Amino acid sequence: MDDIIKNQLLLFKEKLISYLARYETSTLSNEEITEQANIKATLERIEMMLASMSRTEALQNEPSSAQKGLIETDPKGWLDVMTDDGQRITISKYTRVTYHGYNSDKTRETFTILDWPNENIEASVSAISASKSRFAATVYQGPGVVTFDLDNNRLKYGNSAWIHTATDINNPISKGSYNLWLPDGVHTYGNPYLGLSNYATVWYRIGAEGSSRYFHVGNVSAGCVTVGEASTGGQDVDKKQWTDIYNYLKTRRSGSKHVGTINII
């Protein structure tokens, strides 16, 4: 809605400027002088409104001092933390949190998780040290876009080149646009490919929350969208691209549940 209002103001501003230009090439009557003054006053108000909207946008794009991202994890992009009710859960690198600081003896850091699948859970984690936090102010970007060309076994993200990717020909995903979910937990089927990408156990669910289809790296698709699928000609050089895909998606967000969309064409 704010974007619509802003665009309308910009269009109105352009029209007023064109009207104002007409008064600069002729001798003005008293009525025209009054109209010119009114147009200038209106333009000034529009400029003030646009400036205010720009300031608001800038503030909204900046993380609050309390909102941070998880930046210190294991090399695979995961971290075990403890919930306030004593359960151990694993969260992914760049999970967003409301940061509450250290406990009294500075042995643990406390926070509220803001991202799915552990949204609004209070938790803590052992501190690295009293001076080095696992969390930092992090700039998050808008939703990512991944495109999978089903018929030609290839995929690209953002402005990347095509990468060999395939799905199970006996259980192909239907063409269309689907949500890509935030990482939900360690996927051990990715372990054989950790030598090609540190983030091979980070998978992204496709479609509905209950879907069993994932976007991942590997050799066995089983209905997923699989980068480097060997049975269709994928190679290790394709699987190595998973790290770049991960880096593209890691700070992408569409709300608190998704990193973006995957378009199956």
Foldseek 3Di string as FASTA:
>chain_A
DLVVVLVVLVVVLVVLVVVLVVVVPDDDDPVVVVVNVVSVVVNVVSVVVNVVSVVVVVVVQFDDPQKWWQADDPLQFKHWWAFPVGDIDIDGGRFIWRWDAAPPVRQKTWTATCAPPRHRTTIIDGAPGSPDGRIDGDGFDAAWEKEAAAVVQWIDTDPDDTFRKYADPVQEDDFFKWFWWFFHGFQCVQVVLCVLPSNQRGWTDTHDPPDPEIEGEDQHHHHHIYFQNPVVPRDSVRSSCVNVVCVVQSRADDGRTGSHMYGYD
